[in-house]
C-alpha atoms as a PDB file:
ATOM      1  CA  UNK A   1     180.912  27.405   9.418  1.00  0.00           C
ATOM      2  CA  UNK A   2     179.870  24.442   7.315  1.00  0.00           C
ATOM      3  CA  UNK A   3     180.278  24.686   3.554  1.00  0.00           C
ATOM      4  CA  UNK A   4     177.169  24.373   1.468  1.00  0.00           C
ATOM      5  CA  UNK A   5     176.854  21.142  -0.476  1.00  0.00           C
ATOM      6  CA  UNK A   6     177.925  21.243  -4.107  1.00  0.00           C
ATOM      7  CA  UNK A   7     174.342  20.858  -5.237  1.00  0.00           C
ATOM      8  CA  UNK A   8     173.426  24.143  -3.536  1.00  0.00           C
ATOM      9  CA  UNK A   9     175.089  26.205  -6.277  1.00  0.00           C
ATOM     10  CA  UNK A  10     172.446  27.504  -8.629  1.00  0.00           C
ATOM     11  CA  UNK A  11     174.516  27.407 -11.821  1.00  0.00           C
ATOM     12  CA  UNK A  12     171.764  28.636 -14.176  1.00  0.00           C
ATOM     13  CA  UNK A  13     171.217  31.737 -12.039  1.00  0.00           C
ATOM     14  CA  UNK A  14     174.951  32.282 -11.539  1.00  0.00           C
ATOM     15  CA  UNK A  15     176.034  31.798 -15.177  1.00  0.00           C
ATOM     16  CA  UNK A  16     172.911  32.821 -17.103  1.00  0.00           C
ATOM     17  CA  UNK A  17     173.260  32.538 -20.890  1.00  0.00           C
ATOM     18  CA  UNK A  18     176.906  31.469 -20.534  1.00  0.00           C
ATOM     19  CA  UNK A  19     175.691  28.037 -19.408  1.00  0.00           C
ATOM     20  CA  UNK A  20     174.803  25.632 -22.203  1.00  0.00           C
ATOM     21  CA  UNK A  21     174.171  22.531 -20.092  1.00  0.00           C
ATOM     22  CA  UNK A  22     174.616  21.094 -16.621  1.00  0.00           C
ATOM     23  CA  UNK A  23     175.303  17.372 -16.688  1.00  0.00           C
ATOM     24  CA  UNK A  24     175.228  15.450 -13.410  1.00  0.00           C
ATOM     25  CA  UNK A  25     178.141  13.107 -12.736  1.00  0.00           C
ATOM     26  CA  UNK A  26     177.799  10.876  -9.698  1.00  0.00           C
ATOM     27  CA  UNK A  27     180.229  11.715  -6.912  1.00  0.00           C
ATOM     28  CA  UNK A  28     181.057  15.159  -8.356  1.00  0.00           C
ATOM     29  CA  UNK A  29     179.476  18.553  -8.757  1.00  0.00           C
ATOM     30  CA  UNK A  30     178.859  17.666 -12.387  1.00  0.00           C
ATOM     31  CA  UNK A  31     179.974  19.045 -15.716  1.00  0.00           C
ATOM     32  CA  UNK A  32     179.135  22.535 -16.878  1.00  0.00           C
ATOM     33  CA  UNK A  33     179.163  23.093 -20.627  1.00  0.00           C
ATOM     34  CA  UNK A  34     179.641  26.796 -21.317  1.00  0.00           C
ATOM     35  CA  UNK A  35     179.937  29.260 -24.193  1.00  0.00           C
ATOM     36  CA  UNK A  36     183.591  29.755 -25.100  1.00  0.00           C
ATOM     37  CA  UNK A  37     183.070  33.483 -25.690  1.00  0.00           C
ATOM     38  CA  UNK A  38     182.134  33.826 -21.996  1.00  0.00           C
ATOM     39  CA  UNK A  39     185.128  31.891 -20.642  1.00  0.00           C
ATOM     40  CA  UNK A  40     186.567  34.616 -18.398  1.00  0.00           C
ATOM     41  CA  UNK A  41     183.161  35.316 -16.846  1.00  0.00           C
ATOM     42  CA  UNK A  42     182.567  31.599 -16.244  1.00  0.00           C
ATOM     43  CA  UNK A  43     186.038  31.090 -14.748  1.00  0.00           C
ATOM     44  CA  UNK A  44     185.547  33.944 -12.268  1.00  0.00           C
ATOM     45  CA  UNK A  45     182.038  32.830 -11.278  1.00  0.00           C
ATOM     46  CA  UNK A  46     183.122  29.229 -10.717  1.00  0.00           C
ATOM     47  CA  UNK A  47     186.138  30.384  -8.705  1.00  0.00           C
ATOM     48  CA  UNK A  48     183.919  32.653  -6.592  1.00  0.00           C
ATOM     49  CA  UNK A  49     181.601  29.666  -5.996  1.00  0.00           C
ATOM     50  CA  UNK A  50     184.475  27.939  -4.159  1.00  0.00           C
ATOM     51  CA  UNK A  51     186.324  26.017  -6.868  1.00  0.00           C
ATOM     52  CA  UNK A  52     189.738  27.506  -6.145  1.00  0.00           C
ATOM     53  CA  UNK A  53     191.953  24.702  -7.456  1.00  0.00           C
ATOM     54  CA  UNK A  54     192.367  24.021 -11.163  1.00  0.00           C
ATOM     55  CA  UNK A  55     193.923  20.577 -11.487  1.00  0.00           C
ATOM     56  CA  UNK A  56     193.788  19.973 -15.248  1.00  0.00           C
ATOM     57  CA  UNK A  57     193.215  21.643 -18.605  1.00  0.00           C
ATOM     58  CA  UNK A  58     192.994  19.235 -21.507  1.00  0.00           C
ATOM     59  CA  UNK A  59     191.966  19.247 -25.112  1.00  0.00           C
ATOM     60  CA  UNK A  60     190.384  16.762 -27.497  1.00  0.00           C
ATOM     61  CA  UNK A  61     190.425  16.904 -31.281  1.00  0.00           C
ATOM     62  CA  UNK A  62     187.030  15.690 -32.529  1.00  0.00           C
ATOM     63  CA  UNK A  63     188.080  16.503 -36.138  1.00  0.00           C
ATOM     64  CA  UNK A  64     185.159  18.869 -36.810  1.00  0.00           C
ATOM     65  CA  UNK A  65     185.799  20.787 -33.550  1.00  0.00           C
ATOM     66  CA  UNK A  66     188.024  20.829 -30.474  1.00  0.00           C
ATOM     67  CA  UNK A  67     186.875  20.493 -26.903  1.00  0.00           C
ATOM     68  CA  UNK A  68     188.597  22.058 -23.900  1.00  0.00           C
ATOM     69  CA  UNK A  69     188.040  20.439 -20.511  1.00  0.00           C
ATOM     70  CA  UNK A  70     188.866  21.944 -17.113  1.00  0.00           C
ATOM     71  CA  UNK A  71     188.945  19.925 -13.890  1.00  0.00           C
ATOM     72  CA  UNK A  72     188.432  21.926 -10.704  1.00  0.00           C
ATOM     73  CA  UNK A  73     188.450  21.059  -7.014  1.00  0.00           C
ATOM     74  CA  UNK A  74     186.720  22.751  -4.088  1.00  0.00           C
ATOM     75  CA  UNK A  75     188.163  22.233  -0.603  1.00  0.00           C
ATOM     76  CA  UNK A  76     184.997  23.618   0.962  1.00  0.00           C
ATOM     77  CA  UNK A  77     182.715  21.284  -0.984  1.00  0.00           C
ATOM     78  CA  UNK A  78     185.118  18.330  -1.167  1.00  0.00           C
ATOM     79  CA  UNK A  79     184.049  17.927  -4.761  1.00  0.00           C
ATOM     80  CA  UNK A  80     185.297  18.069  -8.330  1.00  0.00           C
ATOM     81  CA  UNK A  81     183.638  20.142 -11.027  1.00  0.00           C
ATOM     82  CA  UNK A  82     184.256  19.771 -14.746  1.00  0.00           C
ATOM     83  CA  UNK A  83     183.942  22.608 -17.236  1.00  0.00           C
ATOM     84  CA  UNK A  84     183.950  22.070 -20.974  1.00  0.00           C
ATOM     85  CA  UNK A  85     183.381  23.998 -24.151  1.00  0.00           C
ATOM     86  CA  UNK A  86     183.656  23.413 -27.881  1.00  0.00           C
ATOM     87  CA  UNK A  87     185.863  25.436 -30.207  1.00  0.00           C
ATOM     88  CA  UNK A  88     185.767  25.543 -34.008  1.00  0.00           C
ATOM     89  CA  UNK A  89     188.453  23.383 -35.630  1.00  0.00           C
ATOM     90  CA  UNK A  90     189.518  26.180 -37.977  1.00  0.00           C
ATOM     91  CA  UNK A  91     190.132  28.652 -35.114  1.00  0.00           C
ATOM     92  CA  UNK A  92     190.394  26.853 -31.755  1.00  0.00           C
ATOM     93  CA  UNK A  93     190.870  29.805 -29.426  1.00  0.00           C
ATOM     94  CA  UNK A  94     189.681  30.639 -25.902  1.00  0.00           C
ATOM     95  CA  UNK A  95     190.639  33.073 -23.142  1.00  0.00           C
ATOM     96  CA  UNK A  96     193.344  31.886 -20.785  1.00  0.00           C
ATOM     97  CA  UNK A  97     192.347  30.665 -17.328  1.00  0.00           C
ATOM     98  CA  UNK A  98     195.693  31.804 -15.853  1.00  0.00           C
ATOM     99  CA  UNK A  99     194.175  35.106 -14.698  1.00  0.00           C
ATOM    100  CA  UNK A 100     191.900  33.172 -12.339  1.00  0.00           C
ATOM    101  CA  UNK A 101     193.943  30.010 -11.730  1.00  0.00           C
ATOM    102  CA  UNK A 102     197.711  30.511 -12.209  1.00  0.00           C
ATOM    103  CA  UNK A 103     198.082  26.713 -12.253  1.00  0.00           C
ATOM    104  CA  UNK A 104     196.550  26.742 -15.754  1.00  0.00           C
ATOM    105  CA  UNK A 105     199.869  27.981 -17.151  1.00  0.00           C
ATOM    106  CA  UNK A 106     201.578  24.680 -17.945  1.00  0.00           C
ATOM    107  CA  UNK A 107     198.325  22.859 -18.682  1.00  0.00           C
ATOM    108  CA  UNK A 108     197.398  25.394 -21.345  1.00  0.00           C
ATOM    109  CA  UNK A 109     200.890  25.255 -22.816  1.00  0.00           C
ATOM    110  CA  UNK A 110     200.551  21.482 -23.152  1.00  0.00           C
ATOM    111  CA  UNK A 111     197.058  21.713 -24.699  1.00  0.00           C
ATOM    112  CA  UNK A 112     198.343  24.283 -27.221  1.00  0.00           C
ATOM    113  CA  UNK A 113     201.363  22.187 -28.053  1.00  0.00           C
ATOM    114  CA  UNK A 114     199.591  18.847 -28.375  1.00  0.00           C
ATOM    115  CA  UNK A 115     196.123  19.804 -29.725  1.00  0.00           C
ATOM    116  CA  UNK A 116     196.681  23.311 -31.177  1.00  0.00           C
ATOM    117  CA  UNK A 117     194.274  25.148 -28.885  1.00  0.00           C
ATOM    118  CA  UNK A 118     195.232  28.817 -28.517  1.00  0.00           C
ATOM    119  CA  UNK A 119     194.763  30.484 -25.139  1.00  0.00           C
ATOM    120  CA  UNK A 120     194.292  34.214 -25.670  1.00  0.00           C
ATOM    121  CA  UNK A 121     196.148  36.320 -23.128  1.00  0.00           C
ATOM    122  CA  UNK A 122     198.351  33.464 -21.910  1.00  0.00           C
ATOM    123  CA  UNK A 123     201.475  34.938 -20.273  1.00  0.00           C
ATOM    124  CA  UNK A 124     203.974  32.511 -21.829  1.00  0.00           C
ATOM    125  CA  UNK A 125     202.532  30.331 -24.600  1.00  0.00           C
ATOM    126  CA  UNK A 126     205.652  28.510 -25.796  1.00  0.00           C
ATOM    127  CA  UNK A 127     206.750  24.917 -26.163  1.00  0.00           C
ATOM    128  CA  UNK A 128     206.787  22.846 -23.011  1.00  0.00           C
ATOM    129  CA  UNK A 129     207.392  19.287 -24.237  1.00  0.00           C
ATOM    130  CA  UNK A 130     208.488  19.643 -27.861  1.00  0.00           C
ATOM    131  CA  UNK A 131     211.631  21.393 -29.055  1.00  0.00           C
ATOM    132  CA  UNK A 132     211.512  25.049 -30.075  1.00  0.00           C
ATOM    133  CA  UNK A 133     210.546  25.385 -33.710  1.00  0.00           C
ATOM    134  CA  UNK A 134     208.436  22.219 -33.752  1.00  0.00           C
ATOM    135  CA  UNK A 135     205.437  23.062 -35.937  1.00  0.00           C
ATOM    136  CA  UNK A 136     203.283  19.988 -35.454  1.00  0.00           C
ATOM    137  CA  UNK A 137     200.631  19.093 -32.880  1.00  0.00           C
ATOM    138  CA  UNK A 138     201.005  15.363 -32.148  1.00  0.00           C
ATOM    139  CA  UNK A 139     197.544  14.743 -30.676  1.00  0.00           C
ATOM    140  CA  UNK A 140     195.642  16.131 -33.649  1.00  0.00           C
ATOM    141  CA  UNK A 141     193.937  13.359 -35.547  1.00  0.00           C
ATOM    142  CA  UNK A 142     195.394  14.808 -38.737  1.00  0.00           C
ATOM    143  CA  UNK A 143     198.962  14.403 -37.424  1.00  0.00           C
ATOM    144  CA  UNK A 144     201.146  12.202 -39.604  1.00  0.00           C
ATOM    145  CA  UNK A 145     204.473  10.789 -38.538  1.00  0.00           C
ATOM    146  CA  UNK A 146     207.360  12.322 -40.434  1.00  0.00           C
ATOM    147  CA  UNK A 147     210.722  10.976 -41.422  1.00  0.00           C
ATOM    148  CA  UNK A 148     213.477  12.609 -39.336  1.00  0.00           C
ATOM    149  CA  UNK A 149     215.042  14.202 -42.411  1.00  0.00           C
ATOM    150  CA  UNK A 150     211.705  15.935 -43.171  1.00  0.00           C
ATOM    151  CA  UNK A 151     211.816  17.834 -39.916  1.00  0.00           C
ATOM    152  CA  UNK A 152     213.785  20.979 -39.330  1.00  0.00           C
ATOM    153  CA  UNK A 153     213.844  21.364 -35.576  1.00  0.00           C
ATOM    154  CA  UNK A 154     215.821  23.990 -33.711  1.00  0.00           C
ATOM    155  CA  UNK A 155     217.867  22.654 -30.844  1.00  0.00           C
ATOM    156  CA  UNK A 156     217.122  24.079 -27.412  1.00  0.00           C
ATOM    157  CA  UNK A 157     220.092  24.421 -25.082  1.00  0.00           C
ATOM    158  CA  UNK A 158     219.210  24.177 -21.432  1.00  0.00           C
END
C-alpha cells in the first residue's frame, strides 16, 4: 500500500476551528498554527494522520507572548510537519503532548526550564538542565545575569 502524499491531508476539514492557519513550507508538509486551547485534539488528529514521531518541542519568548513549536515526522509520508501556537506571556500554559508522543517528555521539560512554558498534565515537570531550586528561565528576554552570591541554588546529588 502506498502512503498518500502529505498534501492529501485536508487539515481544515480534520482540525476545523482548531486550525488558525496552514502555511506551506517547501519540502515539508507545512506549518499548522492552531488554537492552544485545542492542543490535545490537534495532537491526536495529527498523530492519526500519520505523524507518529515528535522530534522537537521548543519555545520562543517574543516578550508580549510565547510561541511553542512542535516538529513532527511521518515515516509514511517521508515528510516533516510543524505545529505552532501562541501563549500569553502572563500565563504561558498548554496541554502536554506526552499523552500522544511520549518523546515530548524531555523536550517539554527543557522548554519549561528555559522559556517558562508550563505543560499541563506533564508526568514529570522538573529541572532537566539547571540545578534543583533554580528559579530563573535563561532564555527569557527578561533574564538578567546574576552574581553568584545572589543565587541560592540547592545542590543535586546524583
